[in-house]
Amino acid sequence: MLSLYDGSLDVPTILKDWYEEEATSNYGAYIPFVGTVRSEDGIDGLSFDVYEPILESWFKSWQEKAEAKGAKIKMAHSKGDVMLQESSYIAAVFSPKRRVALEFIDSFVEDFKASAPIWKYDLKDGQRIYAKDRSTAISGSGLLA
């Protein structure tokens, strides 16, 4: 399950909903990861642009990897503005065994940072400024790729 939201994420509600959706699925592990906008470089928050078709394809490949391990992956991400100390990203893995869930969430979050087609902007003094120095080029993108 991939969900996109305008603005910041309601972490308690999303995690509760996911837990309740899987409560009878016989998973022995539920490992969530919550990403929060932190204060750095004088920003007021972050803003996100999402290219949904590629994100959906990328996420589908991770769902297939999870299924092959008997697990399930869920993700929520913000579009638009998210202020300091608010959440822009939640991921969770449900698995019969904790080791699978622990290893899978680590790989998923790292690949998300490197490969997901989501562009980050700093919100600073009423402006939206591309955060180039904290962005990672997506493999195969660009004019000379």
Protein backbone atom coordinates (compact mmCIF):
# COMPACT_ATOMS: atom_id res chain seq x y z
CA MET A 1 0.00 0.00 0.00
CA LEU A 2 1.33 3.39 -1.09
CA SER A 3 -0.48 6.51 0.11
CA LEU A 4 0.30 10.13 -0.73
CA TYR A 5 -1.00 13.00 1.38
CA ASP A 6 -1.13 16.76 0.92
CA GLY A 7 0.95 18.30 3.71
CA SER A 8 2.26 16.62 6.85
CA LEU A 9 1.35 13.08 7.87
CA ASP A 10 -0.88 12.22 10.83
CA VAL A 11 1.53 9.64 12.25
CA PRO A 12 -0.62 8.21 15.08
CA THR A 13 -3.62 7.70 12.79
CA ILE A 14 -1.66 6.14 9.92
CA LEU A 15 0.26 3.73 12.18
CA LYS A 16 -2.93 2.77 14.03
CA ASP A 17 -4.78 2.17 10.76
CA TRP A 18 -1.96 0.01 9.39
CA TYR A 19 -1.76 -1.98 12.62
CA GLU A 20 -5.51 -2.59 12.61
CA GLU A 21 -5.49 -3.58 8.92
CA GLU A 22 -2.92 -6.30 9.64
CA ALA A 23 -4.01 -7.28 13.17
CA THR A 24 -5.39 -10.65 12.05
CA SER A 25 -2.78 -11.35 9.34
CA ASN A 26 -0.60 -13.49 11.62
CA TYR A 27 2.51 -11.35 11.25
CA GLY A 28 4.94 -11.63 14.17
CA ALA A 29 6.72 -8.33 13.47
CA TYR A 30 5.54 -4.82 12.65
CA ILE A 31 8.48 -2.45 12.14
CA PRO A 32 7.61 1.19 11.35
CA PHE A 33 9.97 3.98 10.30
CA VAL A 34 8.90 7.61 10.71
CA GLY A 35 10.80 10.43 9.00
CA THR A 36 10.49 13.86 10.59
CA VAL A 37 11.56 17.24 9.23
CA ARG A 38 14.40 18.49 11.41
CA SER A 39 15.81 21.96 11.81
CA GLU A 40 18.92 22.58 9.73
CA ASP A 41 20.37 25.48 7.75
CA GLY A 42 17.69 27.87 9.02
CA ILE A 43 14.82 26.20 7.16
CA ASP A 44 11.19 26.59 8.22
CA GLY A 45 10.23 23.25 6.68
CA LEU A 46 10.46 21.20 3.50
CA SER A 47 8.31 20.94 0.41
CA PHE A 48 8.03 17.86 -1.80
CA ASP A 49 7.20 17.21 -5.46
CA VAL A 50 6.34 13.60 -6.32
CA TYR A 51 6.38 11.95 -9.74
CA GLU A 52 3.65 9.42 -9.04
CA PRO A 53 3.93 7.01 -12.03
CA ILE A 54 7.60 6.22 -11.33
CA LEU A 55 7.02 6.14 -7.56
CA GLU A 56 4.20 3.62 -8.01
CA SER A 57 6.39 1.42 -10.24
CA TRP A 58 9.31 1.64 -7.78
CA PHE A 59 7.04 0.79 -4.85
CA LYS A 60 5.45 -2.14 -6.72
CA SER A 61 8.90 -3.71 -7.15
CA TRP A 62 9.41 -3.46 -3.37
CA GLN A 63 5.98 -5.00 -2.75
CA GLU A 64 7.02 -7.96 -4.89
CA LYS A 65 10.29 -8.32 -2.94
CA ALA A 66 8.33 -8.24 0.31
CA GLU A 67 5.83 -10.85 -0.89
CA ALA A 68 8.71 -13.15 -1.86
CA LYS A 69 9.80 -13.05 1.81
CA GLY A 70 6.26 -13.55 3.14
CA ALA A 71 6.16 -9.91 4.22
CA LYS A 72 4.18 -6.76 3.42
CA ILE A 73 5.42 -3.18 2.95
CA LYS A 74 3.40 0.01 3.39
CA MET A 75 4.45 3.59 2.75
CA ALA A 76 2.99 7.08 3.16
CA HIS A 77 4.61 10.28 1.90
CA SER A 78 3.77 13.96 1.81
CA LYS A 79 3.25 16.19 -1.20
CA GLY A 80 3.70 19.90 -0.72
CA ASP A 81 4.79 21.65 2.45
CA VAL A 82 5.76 20.00 5.74
CA MET A 83 6.98 22.16 8.60
CA LEU A 84 9.63 21.45 11.25
CA GLN A 85 8.97 18.52 13.60
CA GLU A 86 6.21 17.22 11.33
CA SER A 87 6.41 13.92 9.47
CA SER A 88 6.77 13.63 5.70
CA TYR A 89 7.51 9.90 5.44
CA ILE A 90 6.32 6.69 7.05
CA ALA A 91 7.17 3.15 6.02
CA ALA A 92 6.35 -0.12 7.75
CA VAL A 93 7.12 -3.77 7.20
CA PHE A 94 4.93 -6.61 8.44
CA SER A 95 6.59 -10.02 8.53
CA PRO A 96 6.20 -13.41 10.18
CA LYS A 97 9.76 -13.10 11.54
CA ARG A 98 11.46 -10.04 13.06
CA ARG A 99 14.80 -10.52 11.25
CA VAL A 100 13.09 -10.30 7.84
CA ALA A 101 11.25 -7.13 8.90
CA LEU A 102 14.35 -5.49 10.43
CA GLU A 103 16.54 -6.16 7.40
CA PHE A 104 13.80 -5.27 4.92
CA ILE A 105 12.92 -1.89 6.46
CA ASP A 106 16.61 -0.91 6.42
CA SER A 107 17.04 -1.81 2.73
CA PHE A 108 13.75 -0.17 1.80
CA VAL A 109 14.48 3.16 3.53
CA GLU A 110 17.99 3.34 2.07
CA ASP A 111 16.73 2.63 -1.45
CA PHE A 112 13.91 5.13 -0.98
CA LYS A 113 16.45 7.88 -0.22
CA ALA A 114 18.50 6.90 -3.31
CA SER A 115 15.81 6.02 -5.86
CA ALA A 116 12.34 7.40 -5.15
CA PRO A 117 11.27 10.16 -7.58
CA ILE A 118 10.56 12.74 -4.88
CA TRP A 119 12.16 16.17 -5.06
CA LYS A 120 12.84 18.11 -1.89
CA TYR A 121 12.79 21.90 -1.46
CA ASP A 122 13.76 24.00 1.55
CA LEU A 123 11.17 26.41 2.86
CA LYS A 124 13.13 29.45 3.97
CA ASP A 125 12.01 33.04 4.47
CA GLY A 126 8.82 32.46 2.46
CA GLN A 127 10.69 30.91 -0.47
CA ARG A 128 10.80 27.38 -1.89
CA ILE A 129 14.43 26.54 -2.77
CA TYR A 130 15.53 23.27 -4.39
CA ALA A 131 17.66 21.33 -1.85
CA LYS A 132 20.27 20.26 -4.40
CA ASP A 133 23.05 19.68 -1.84
CA ARG A 134 20.86 17.15 0.05
CA SER A 135 19.40 15.43 -3.01
CA THR A 136 20.48 12.25 -4.72
CA ALA A 137 20.34 11.87 -8.50
CA ILE A 138 18.07 9.04 -9.59
CA SER A 139 19.98 6.36 -11.50
CA GLY A 140 19.38 6.71 -15.24
CA SER A 141 17.97 10.23 -15.02
CA GLY A 142 19.33 13.32 -16.68
CA LEU A 143 20.35 14.32 -20.16
CA LEU A 144 23.63 12.39 -20.18
CA ALA A 145 22.49 9.28 -18.33
